């Protein structure tokens, strides 16, 4: 089962890589229903991801890897939104990393995020080497979704959570940092 989940995750990431260049360069911005906050969904490649991970500017990072086709991912999204609201004016950043296809930004990702009234930044994975990406995040990660990684203000991964989590669990892990 673990092997099948890993293969499915790798297939999604490989497919993302085969999209046309203009799709990878697309930057989508639209106002959400959540108080007029901008909804930004953009591709992120390995160098940009490295920068996100390490250049924390004194903030803790909660990175949630998810997909629109993943039921547990969708179920935990309201807790992530609530968490982003709670930490909005604190030194914690919530970021989503979708492993949907890049060409699904308009048709699947953005409609889902708009319906959820998302209040945090979301990227779409655009990595050349999926194994490297998975192992870089955490060698114990099978690739199963959802997966959450919490980095301290210096960019060091301190927490790895696999599977659906709750607001309380996320908050407890962040507060320990």
N, C-alpha and C. Protein backbone atom coordinates (compact mmCIF):
# COMPACT_ATOMS: atom_id res chain seq x y z
N UNK A 1 0.83 -1.19 0.00
CA UNK A 1 0.00 0.00 0.00
C UNK A 1 0.87 1.25 0.00
N UNK A 2 1.91 1.25 0.83
CA UNK A 2 2.82 2.39 0.92
C UNK A 2 3.48 2.63 -0.43
N UNK A 3 3.86 1.56 -1.09
CA UNK A 3 4.50 1.64 -2.40
C UNK A 3 3.54 2.24 -3.43
N UNK A 4 2.28 1.84 -3.39
CA UNK A 4 1.29 2.37 -4.32
C UNK A 4 1.05 3.86 -4.09
N UNK A 5 0.99 4.28 -2.83
CA UNK A 5 0.82 5.69 -2.52
C UNK A 5 2.01 6.51 -3.02
N UNK A 6 3.20 5.99 -2.83
CA UNK A 6 4.39 6.66 -3.31
C UNK A 6 4.38 6.78 -4.83
N UNK A 7 3.98 5.71 -5.51
CA UNK A 7 3.90 5.75 -6.97
C UNK A 7 2.87 6.77 -7.44
N UNK A 8 1.74 6.83 -6.77
CA UNK A 8 0.70 7.79 -7.15
C UNK A 8 1.20 9.22 -6.97
N UNK A 9 1.87 9.47 -5.86
CA UNK A 9 2.42 10.80 -5.60
C UNK A 9 3.46 11.16 -6.66
N UNK A 10 4.32 10.22 -6.97
CA UNK A 10 5.37 10.47 -7.97
C UNK A 10 4.76 10.72 -9.34
N UNK A 11 3.69 10.01 -9.68
CA UNK A 11 3.02 10.21 -10.96
C UNK A 11 2.51 11.64 -11.07
N UNK A 12 1.89 12.14 -10.00
CA UNK A 12 1.37 13.50 -10.00
C UNK A 12 2.50 14.50 -10.21
N UNK A 13 3.60 14.31 -9.52
CA UNK A 13 4.70 15.25 -9.66
C UNK A 13 5.35 15.17 -11.03
N UNK A 14 5.48 13.98 -11.59
CA UNK A 14 6.04 13.84 -12.93
C UNK A 14 5.14 14.52 -13.95
N UNK A 15 3.86 14.33 -13.81
CA UNK A 15 2.91 14.94 -14.74
C UNK A 15 2.99 16.46 -14.67
N UNK A 16 3.20 16.99 -13.47
CA UNK A 16 3.34 18.44 -13.34
C UNK A 16 4.51 18.95 -14.16
N UNK A 17 5.54 18.17 -14.24
CA UNK A 17 6.76 18.57 -14.93
C UNK A 17 6.58 18.58 -16.44
N UNK A 18 5.61 17.86 -16.96
CA UNK A 18 5.44 17.77 -18.40
C UNK A 18 4.57 18.88 -18.98
N UNK A 19 3.99 19.72 -18.12
CA UNK A 19 3.17 20.81 -18.62
C UNK A 19 4.00 21.81 -19.39
N UNK A 20 3.34 22.60 -20.22
CA UNK A 20 4.03 23.59 -21.02
C UNK A 20 4.65 24.66 -20.13
N UNK A 21 5.73 25.28 -20.65
CA UNK A 21 6.48 26.28 -19.91
C UNK A 21 5.60 27.44 -19.44
N UNK A 22 4.68 27.89 -20.30
CA UNK A 22 3.84 29.01 -19.90
C UNK A 22 2.93 28.66 -18.74
N UNK A 23 2.54 27.39 -18.61
CA UNK A 23 1.75 26.97 -17.46
C UNK A 23 2.58 27.04 -16.18
N UNK A 24 3.87 26.68 -16.27
CA UNK A 24 4.73 26.72 -15.09
C UNK A 24 5.00 28.16 -14.67
N UNK A 25 4.95 29.08 -15.59
CA UNK A 25 5.25 30.47 -15.28
C UNK A 25 4.01 31.24 -14.83
N UNK A 26 2.85 30.61 -14.95
CA UNK A 26 1.60 31.30 -14.63
C UNK A 26 1.53 31.67 -13.16
N UNK A 27 1.08 32.89 -12.91
CA UNK A 27 0.86 33.38 -11.56
C UNK A 27 -0.60 33.80 -11.50
N UNK A 28 -1.36 33.18 -10.64
CA UNK A 28 -2.79 33.45 -10.57
C UNK A 28 -3.07 34.23 -9.30
N UNK A 29 -3.74 35.34 -9.44
CA UNK A 29 -4.11 36.14 -8.28
C UNK A 29 -5.56 36.56 -8.43
N UNK A 30 -6.32 36.35 -7.39
CA UNK A 30 -7.73 36.73 -7.42
C UNK A 30 -8.15 37.03 -5.99
N UNK A 31 -9.11 37.90 -5.83
CA UNK A 31 -9.59 38.22 -4.50
C UNK A 31 -10.53 37.13 -4.03
N UNK A 32 -10.29 36.63 -2.83
CA UNK A 32 -11.16 35.59 -2.27
C UNK A 32 -12.34 36.24 -1.57
N UNK A 33 -13.28 35.42 -1.15
CA UNK A 33 -14.44 35.91 -0.41
C UNK A 33 -14.07 36.23 1.04
N UNK A 34 -12.85 35.88 1.45
CA UNK A 34 -12.41 36.04 2.83
C UNK A 34 -11.90 37.46 3.08
N UNK A 35 -12.81 38.40 3.15
CA UNK A 35 -12.45 39.76 3.49
C UNK A 35 -11.60 40.46 2.44
N UNK A 36 -11.65 40.01 1.19
CA UNK A 36 -10.90 40.66 0.14
C UNK A 36 -9.42 40.31 0.11
N UNK A 37 -9.00 39.32 0.85
CA UNK A 37 -7.59 38.92 0.82
C UNK A 37 -7.25 38.33 -0.53
N UNK A 38 -6.05 38.62 -1.06
CA UNK A 38 -5.69 38.06 -2.36
C UNK A 38 -5.41 36.57 -2.26
N UNK A 39 -5.89 35.84 -3.24
CA UNK A 39 -5.62 34.42 -3.35
C UNK A 39 -4.53 34.26 -4.40
N UNK A 40 -3.38 33.74 -4.00
CA UNK A 40 -2.26 33.58 -4.91
C UNK A 40 -1.93 32.10 -5.00
N UNK A 41 -1.89 31.59 -6.22
CA UNK A 41 -1.49 30.21 -6.47
C UNK A 41 -0.41 30.28 -7.53
N UNK A 42 0.78 29.77 -7.22
CA UNK A 42 1.85 29.82 -8.21
C UNK A 42 2.70 28.57 -8.15
N UNK A 43 3.33 28.23 -9.27
CA UNK A 43 4.24 27.08 -9.28
C UNK A 43 5.46 27.37 -8.41
N UNK A 44 6.01 26.33 -7.85
CA UNK A 44 7.26 26.48 -7.09
C UNK A 44 8.19 25.35 -7.52
N UNK A 45 9.41 25.72 -7.92
CA UNK A 45 10.39 24.73 -8.31
C UNK A 45 11.39 24.53 -7.17
N UNK A 46 12.38 23.68 -7.40
CA UNK A 46 13.32 23.32 -6.33
C UNK A 46 14.07 24.52 -5.75
N UNK A 47 14.66 25.41 -6.58
CA UNK A 47 15.38 26.54 -5.99
C UNK A 47 14.47 27.46 -5.17
N UNK A 48 13.27 27.74 -5.67
CA UNK A 48 12.34 28.59 -4.94
C UNK A 48 11.89 27.92 -3.65
N UNK A 49 11.71 26.59 -3.71
CA UNK A 49 11.31 25.86 -2.51
C UNK A 49 12.41 25.92 -1.46
N UNK A 50 13.66 25.76 -1.89
CA UNK A 50 14.81 25.86 -0.96
C UNK A 50 14.80 27.21 -0.26
N UNK A 51 14.52 28.26 -1.01
CA UNK A 51 14.49 29.61 -0.45
C UNK A 51 13.36 29.74 0.56
N UNK A 52 12.18 29.23 0.22
CA UNK A 52 11.04 29.26 1.13
C UNK A 52 11.38 28.56 2.45
N UNK A 53 12.05 27.43 2.31
CA UNK A 53 12.39 26.60 3.46
C UNK A 53 13.43 27.26 4.38
N UNK A 54 14.43 27.89 3.80
CA UNK A 54 15.56 28.37 4.60
C UNK A 54 15.49 29.84 4.98
N UNK A 55 14.92 30.68 4.15
CA UNK A 55 14.87 32.11 4.43
C UNK A 55 13.59 32.44 5.17
N UNK A 56 13.60 32.19 6.44
CA UNK A 56 12.39 32.27 7.25
C UNK A 56 12.10 33.66 7.81
N UNK A 57 13.08 34.54 7.86
CA UNK A 57 12.84 35.89 8.38
C UNK A 57 12.29 35.89 9.79
N UNK A 58 12.74 34.94 10.60
CA UNK A 58 12.29 34.86 11.98
C UNK A 58 10.94 34.21 12.18
N UNK A 59 10.37 33.62 11.12
CA UNK A 59 9.05 32.98 11.24
C UNK A 59 9.15 31.46 11.20
N UNK A 60 8.29 30.84 11.96
CA UNK A 60 8.08 29.39 11.88
C UNK A 60 7.26 29.13 10.62
N UNK A 61 7.53 28.03 9.94
CA UNK A 61 6.80 27.66 8.73
C UNK A 61 6.08 26.34 8.94
N UNK A 62 4.78 26.33 8.71
CA UNK A 62 4.01 25.10 8.63
C UNK A 62 3.71 24.89 7.16
N UNK A 63 4.29 23.84 6.58
CA UNK A 63 4.10 23.51 5.17
C UNK A 63 3.22 22.29 5.08
N UNK A 64 2.06 22.45 4.44
CA UNK A 64 1.12 21.36 4.29
C UNK A 64 1.10 20.93 2.83
N UNK A 65 1.44 19.66 2.56
CA UNK A 65 1.42 19.11 1.20
C UNK A 65 0.09 18.39 1.03
N UNK A 66 -0.63 18.75 -0.03
CA UNK A 66 -2.00 18.30 -0.20
C UNK A 66 -2.35 18.21 -1.68
N UNK A 67 -3.55 17.72 -1.97
CA UNK A 67 -4.08 17.67 -3.33
C UNK A 67 -5.60 17.75 -3.27
N UNK A 68 -6.21 18.27 -4.34
CA UNK A 68 -7.67 18.39 -4.36
C UNK A 68 -8.36 17.04 -4.42
N UNK A 69 -7.66 16.00 -4.91
CA UNK A 69 -8.26 14.67 -5.00
C UNK A 69 -8.11 13.86 -3.71
N UNK A 70 -7.42 14.43 -2.72
CA UNK A 70 -7.15 13.75 -1.45
C UNK A 70 -8.22 14.15 -0.43
N UNK A 71 -9.09 13.21 -0.08
CA UNK A 71 -10.20 13.50 0.85
C UNK A 71 -9.69 13.96 2.23
N UNK A 72 -8.73 13.26 2.87
CA UNK A 72 -8.25 13.75 4.16
C UNK A 72 -7.62 15.14 4.07
N UNK A 73 -6.99 15.44 2.94
CA UNK A 73 -6.41 16.78 2.74
C UNK A 73 -7.51 17.83 2.78
N UNK A 74 -8.58 17.56 2.05
CA UNK A 74 -9.69 18.50 2.00
C UNK A 74 -10.37 18.63 3.36
N UNK A 75 -10.43 17.54 4.10
CA UNK A 75 -11.07 17.56 5.42
C UNK A 75 -10.29 18.39 6.43
N UNK A 76 -8.95 18.43 6.32
CA UNK A 76 -8.18 19.19 7.30
C UNK A 76 -7.99 20.66 6.90
N UNK A 77 -8.41 21.03 5.69
CA UNK A 77 -8.22 22.40 5.22
C UNK A 77 -8.87 23.46 6.12
N UNK A 78 -10.10 23.26 6.62
CA UNK A 78 -10.67 24.27 7.52
C UNK A 78 -9.81 24.52 8.76
N UNK A 79 -9.14 23.48 9.26
CA UNK A 79 -8.26 23.67 10.42
C UNK A 79 -7.03 24.47 10.05
N UNK A 80 -6.51 24.29 8.84
CA UNK A 80 -5.36 25.08 8.38
C UNK A 80 -5.75 26.55 8.22
N UNK A 81 -6.93 26.79 7.70
CA UNK A 81 -7.42 28.16 7.54
C UNK A 81 -7.59 28.82 8.90
N UNK A 82 -8.16 28.10 9.82
CA UNK A 82 -8.33 28.61 11.19
C UNK A 82 -6.97 28.90 11.82
N UNK A 83 -6.02 28.02 11.60
CA UNK A 83 -4.66 28.19 12.11
C UNK A 83 -4.00 29.43 11.51
N UNK A 84 -4.14 29.62 10.21
CA UNK A 84 -3.56 30.79 9.55
C UNK A 84 -4.16 32.08 10.12
N UNK A 85 -5.43 32.06 10.40
CA UNK A 85 -6.08 33.24 10.98
C UNK A 85 -5.54 33.50 12.39
N UNK A 86 -5.40 32.45 13.19
CA UNK A 86 -4.90 32.59 14.56
C UNK A 86 -3.48 33.16 14.57
N UNK A 87 -2.63 32.70 13.65
CA UNK A 87 -1.22 33.12 13.62
C UNK A 87 -0.96 34.29 12.67
N UNK A 88 -1.99 34.91 12.15
CA UNK A 88 -1.84 35.96 11.14
C UNK A 88 -0.87 37.06 11.56
N UNK A 89 -0.94 37.53 12.78
CA UNK A 89 -0.09 38.62 13.25
C UNK A 89 1.03 38.13 14.17
N UNK A 90 1.34 36.87 14.05
CA UNK A 90 2.42 36.28 14.86
C UNK A 90 3.51 35.80 13.93
N UNK A 91 4.57 35.27 14.46
CA UNK A 91 5.72 34.83 13.66
C UNK A 91 5.58 33.40 13.17
N UNK A 92 4.42 33.09 12.58
CA UNK A 92 4.16 31.77 12.02
C UNK A 92 3.54 31.97 10.64
N UNK A 93 4.06 31.24 9.66
CA UNK A 93 3.52 31.30 8.31
C UNK A 93 2.97 29.93 7.93
N UNK A 94 1.76 29.91 7.43
CA UNK A 94 1.13 28.69 6.94
C UNK A 94 1.22 28.73 5.41
N UNK A 95 1.72 27.65 4.81
CA UNK A 95 1.86 27.57 3.36
C UNK A 95 1.34 26.22 2.90
N UNK A 96 0.57 26.23 1.82
CA UNK A 96 0.10 25.00 1.21
C UNK A 96 0.92 24.68 -0.03
N UNK A 97 1.17 23.40 -0.25
CA UNK A 97 1.88 22.94 -1.45
C UNK A 97 1.03 21.86 -2.10
N UNK A 98 0.35 22.24 -3.17
CA UNK A 98 -0.50 21.30 -3.89
C UNK A 98 0.34 20.43 -4.82
N UNK A 99 0.01 19.15 -4.88
CA UNK A 99 0.67 18.25 -5.83
C UNK A 99 -0.29 17.88 -6.97
N UNK A 100 -1.31 18.72 -7.16
CA UNK A 100 -2.18 18.58 -8.33
C UNK A 100 -1.37 18.95 -9.58
N UNK A 101 -1.94 18.68 -10.75
CA UNK A 101 -1.32 19.07 -12.01
C UNK A 101 -1.28 20.59 -12.12
N UNK A 102 -0.22 21.12 -12.71
CA UNK A 102 -0.12 22.57 -12.89
C UNK A 102 -1.26 23.13 -13.74
N UNK A 103 -1.71 22.35 -14.71
CA UNK A 103 -2.79 22.86 -15.57
C UNK A 103 -4.16 22.80 -14.89
N UNK A 104 -4.21 22.39 -13.63
CA UNK A 104 -5.47 22.35 -12.89
C UNK A 104 -5.65 23.54 -11.95
N UNK A 105 -4.78 24.53 -12.07
CA UNK A 105 -4.90 25.71 -11.21
C UNK A 105 -6.27 26.34 -11.36
N UNK A 106 -6.68 26.59 -12.60
CA UNK A 106 -7.96 27.25 -12.86
C UNK A 106 -9.16 26.33 -12.65
N UNK A 107 -9.02 25.08 -13.06
CA UNK A 107 -10.17 24.18 -13.05
C UNK A 107 -10.44 23.49 -11.72
N UNK A 108 -9.41 23.25 -10.91
CA UNK A 108 -9.62 22.50 -9.67
C UNK A 108 -9.08 23.21 -8.44
N UNK A 109 -7.81 23.65 -8.51
CA UNK A 109 -7.15 24.19 -7.31
C UNK A 109 -7.80 25.50 -6.87
N UNK A 110 -7.86 26.46 -7.79
CA UNK A 110 -8.41 27.77 -7.42
C UNK A 110 -9.87 27.68 -6.98
N UNK A 111 -10.75 26.93 -7.67
CA UNK A 111 -12.13 26.83 -7.18
C UNK A 111 -12.22 26.23 -5.77
N UNK A 112 -11.40 25.22 -5.50
CA UNK A 112 -11.41 24.63 -4.16
C UNK A 112 -10.97 25.66 -3.12
N UNK A 113 -9.88 26.37 -3.39
CA UNK A 113 -9.36 27.35 -2.45
C UNK A 113 -10.34 28.51 -2.24
N UNK A 114 -10.99 28.93 -3.32
CA UNK A 114 -11.98 30.01 -3.21
C UNK A 114 -13.18 29.56 -2.35
N UNK A 115 -13.61 28.34 -2.55
CA UNK A 115 -14.73 27.81 -1.76
C UNK A 115 -14.37 27.71 -0.28
N UNK A 116 -13.11 27.47 -0.01
CA UNK A 116 -12.64 27.35 1.38
C UNK A 116 -12.32 28.71 2.01
N UNK A 117 -12.32 29.77 1.19
CA UNK A 117 -11.90 31.10 1.66
C UNK A 117 -10.49 31.07 2.22
N UNK A 118 -9.59 30.49 1.46
CA UNK A 118 -8.21 30.32 1.91
C UNK A 118 -7.59 31.66 2.26
N UNK A 119 -6.79 31.67 3.31
CA UNK A 119 -6.16 32.89 3.81
C UNK A 119 -4.65 32.75 3.96
N UNK A 120 -4.06 31.85 3.18
CA UNK A 120 -2.61 31.68 3.20
C UNK A 120 -2.11 31.38 1.79
N UNK A 121 -0.80 31.48 1.62
CA UNK A 121 -0.19 31.29 0.30
C UNK A 121 -0.19 29.81 -0.08
N UNK A 122 -0.45 29.56 -1.36
CA UNK A 122 -0.48 28.19 -1.87
C UNK A 122 0.38 28.11 -3.12
N UNK A 123 1.20 27.08 -3.17
CA UNK A 123 2.04 26.80 -4.33
C UNK A 123 1.60 25.49 -4.96
N UNK A 124 2.00 25.30 -6.22
CA UNK A 124 1.78 24.04 -6.92
C UNK A 124 3.17 23.48 -7.22
N UNK A 125 3.41 22.23 -6.85
CA UNK A 125 4.72 21.59 -7.00
C UNK A 125 5.14 21.52 -8.47
N UNK A 126 6.39 21.88 -8.72
CA UNK A 126 6.98 21.83 -10.05
C UNK A 126 8.43 21.36 -9.91
N UNK A 127 8.60 20.11 -9.46
CA UNK A 127 9.92 19.57 -9.16
C UNK A 127 10.34 18.56 -10.21
N UNK A 128 11.60 18.64 -10.63
CA UNK A 128 12.12 17.72 -11.63
C UNK A 128 12.33 16.32 -11.07
N UNK A 129 12.81 16.23 -9.84
CA UNK A 129 13.14 14.94 -9.25
C UNK A 129 12.28 14.71 -8.00
N UNK A 130 11.23 13.92 -8.15
CA UNK A 130 10.29 13.71 -7.06
C UNK A 130 10.90 12.96 -5.88
N UNK A 131 11.75 11.98 -6.17
CA UNK A 131 12.40 11.25 -5.08
C UNK A 131 13.26 12.18 -4.24
N UNK A 132 13.99 13.04 -4.90
CA UNK A 132 14.83 14.01 -4.20
C UNK A 132 13.98 14.93 -3.33
N UNK A 133 12.85 15.39 -3.89
CA UNK A 133 11.95 16.25 -3.14
C UNK A 133 11.41 15.55 -1.90
N UNK A 134 10.92 14.33 -2.07
CA UNK A 134 10.36 13.56 -0.95
C UNK A 134 11.42 13.33 0.12
N UNK A 135 12.60 12.88 -0.30
CA UNK A 135 13.66 12.60 0.66
C UNK A 135 14.21 13.85 1.31
N UNK A 136 14.22 14.95 0.57
CA UNK A 136 14.70 16.20 1.15
C UNK A 136 13.78 16.67 2.26
N UNK A 137 12.49 16.56 2.03
CA UNK A 137 11.56 16.98 3.07
C UNK A 137 11.68 16.09 4.30
N UNK A 138 11.68 14.79 4.07
CA UNK A 138 11.85 13.86 5.19
C UNK A 138 12.03 12.46 4.63
N UNK A 139 13.15 11.83 4.96
CA UNK A 139 13.44 10.50 4.42
C UNK A 139 12.45 9.44 4.92
N UNK A 140 11.71 9.75 5.97
CA UNK A 140 10.71 8.81 6.49
C UNK A 140 9.35 8.97 5.81
N UNK A 141 9.23 9.99 4.98
CA UNK A 141 7.96 10.27 4.31
C UNK A 141 7.79 9.33 3.13
N UNK A 142 6.66 8.64 3.08
CA UNK A 142 6.36 7.71 1.99
C UNK A 142 5.82 8.42 0.75
N UNK A 143 5.44 9.67 0.90
CA UNK A 143 4.79 10.40 -0.18
C UNK A 143 3.28 10.45 -0.01
N UNK A 144 2.76 9.77 1.02
CA UNK A 144 1.32 9.76 1.28
C UNK A 144 0.86 11.16 1.70
N UNK A 145 -0.39 11.46 1.38
CA UNK A 145 -0.97 12.76 1.68
C UNK A 145 -2.13 12.63 2.64
N UNK A 146 -2.41 13.68 3.39
CA UNK A 146 -1.64 14.90 3.53
C UNK A 146 -0.39 14.67 4.37
N UNK A 147 0.55 15.58 4.19
CA UNK A 147 1.78 15.56 4.98
C UNK A 147 2.07 16.99 5.39
N UNK A 148 2.49 17.16 6.64
CA UNK A 148 2.77 18.49 7.16
C UNK A 148 4.17 18.51 7.76
N UNK A 149 4.89 19.57 7.43
CA UNK A 149 6.26 19.75 7.90
C UNK A 149 6.33 21.10 8.57
N UNK A 150 6.87 21.12 9.78
CA UNK A 150 6.99 22.39 10.51
C UNK A 150 8.47 22.69 10.69
N UNK A 151 8.86 23.89 10.24
CA UNK A 151 10.24 24.35 10.30
C UNK A 151 10.34 25.47 11.32
N UNK A 152 11.45 25.49 12.07
CA UNK A 152 11.66 26.58 13.02
C UNK A 152 12.07 27.85 12.26
N UNK A 153 12.26 28.94 12.98
CA UNK A 153 12.56 30.23 12.36
C UNK A 153 13.89 30.22 11.60
N UNK A 154 14.77 29.26 11.91
CA UNK A 154 16.05 29.15 11.22
C UNK A 154 15.96 28.26 9.98
N UNK A 155 14.80 27.67 9.71
CA UNK A 155 14.62 26.82 8.54
C UNK A 155 14.91 25.35 8.77
N UNK A 156 15.02 24.95 10.02
CA UNK A 156 15.27 23.54 10.35
C UNK A 156 13.95 22.82 10.58
N UNK A 157 13.77 21.69 9.91
CA UNK A 157 12.54 20.91 10.10
C UNK A 157 12.53 20.31 11.50
N UNK A 158 11.47 20.59 12.21
CA UNK A 158 11.35 20.11 13.59
C UNK A 158 10.21 19.10 13.75
N UNK A 159 9.23 19.14 12.84
CA UNK A 159 8.06 18.27 12.98
C UNK A 159 7.68 17.72 11.61
N UNK A 160 7.35 16.43 11.58
CA UNK A 160 6.80 15.78 10.39
C UNK A 160 5.55 15.05 10.82
N UNK A 161 4.43 15.40 10.18
CA UNK A 161 3.15 14.76 10.49
C UNK A 161 2.58 14.19 9.20
N UNK A 162 2.27 12.92 9.21
CA UNK A 162 1.68 12.28 8.04
C UNK A 162 0.24 11.92 8.35
N UNK A 163 -0.64 12.21 7.42
CA UNK A 163 -2.06 11.94 7.63
C UNK A 163 -2.79 13.17 8.13
N UNK A 164 -4.09 13.05 8.16
CA UNK A 164 -4.96 14.16 8.57
C UNK A 164 -4.71 14.54 10.02
N UNK A 165 -4.59 15.85 10.25
CA UNK A 165 -4.37 16.38 11.59
C UNK A 165 -5.51 17.33 11.95
N UNK A 166 -5.48 17.81 13.18
CA UNK A 166 -6.50 18.75 13.65
C UNK A 166 -5.87 20.08 14.00
N UNK A 167 -6.69 21.08 14.15
CA UNK A 167 -6.25 22.40 14.58
C UNK A 167 -5.46 22.30 15.88
N UNK A 168 -5.99 21.55 16.83
CA UNK A 168 -5.35 21.40 18.14
C UNK A 168 -3.96 20.77 18.01
N UNK A 169 -3.85 19.74 17.19
CA UNK A 169 -2.55 19.07 17.01
C UNK A 169 -1.55 20.01 16.33
N UNK A 170 -1.98 20.69 15.29
CA UNK A 170 -1.10 21.64 14.61
C UNK A 170 -0.61 22.72 15.60
N UNK A 171 -1.54 23.29 16.32
CA UNK A 171 -1.21 24.37 17.26
C UNK A 171 -0.27 23.89 18.36
N UNK A 172 -0.53 22.71 18.88
CA UNK A 172 0.33 22.14 19.93
C UNK A 172 1.77 22.00 19.41
N UNK A 173 1.93 21.51 18.19
CA UNK A 173 3.26 21.32 17.61
C UNK A 173 3.97 22.65 17.36
N UNK A 174 3.22 23.63 16.90
CA UNK A 174 3.81 24.96 16.64
C UNK A 174 4.23 25.60 17.96
N UNK A 175 3.38 25.52 18.96
CA UNK A 175 3.66 26.16 20.25
C UNK A 175 4.92 25.58 20.91
N UNK A 176 5.23 24.35 20.65
CA UNK A 176 6.45 23.73 21.22
C UNK A 176 7.71 24.40 20.68
N UNK A 177 7.60 25.01 19.50
CA UNK A 177 8.76 25.68 18.91
C UNK A 177 8.92 27.07 19.49
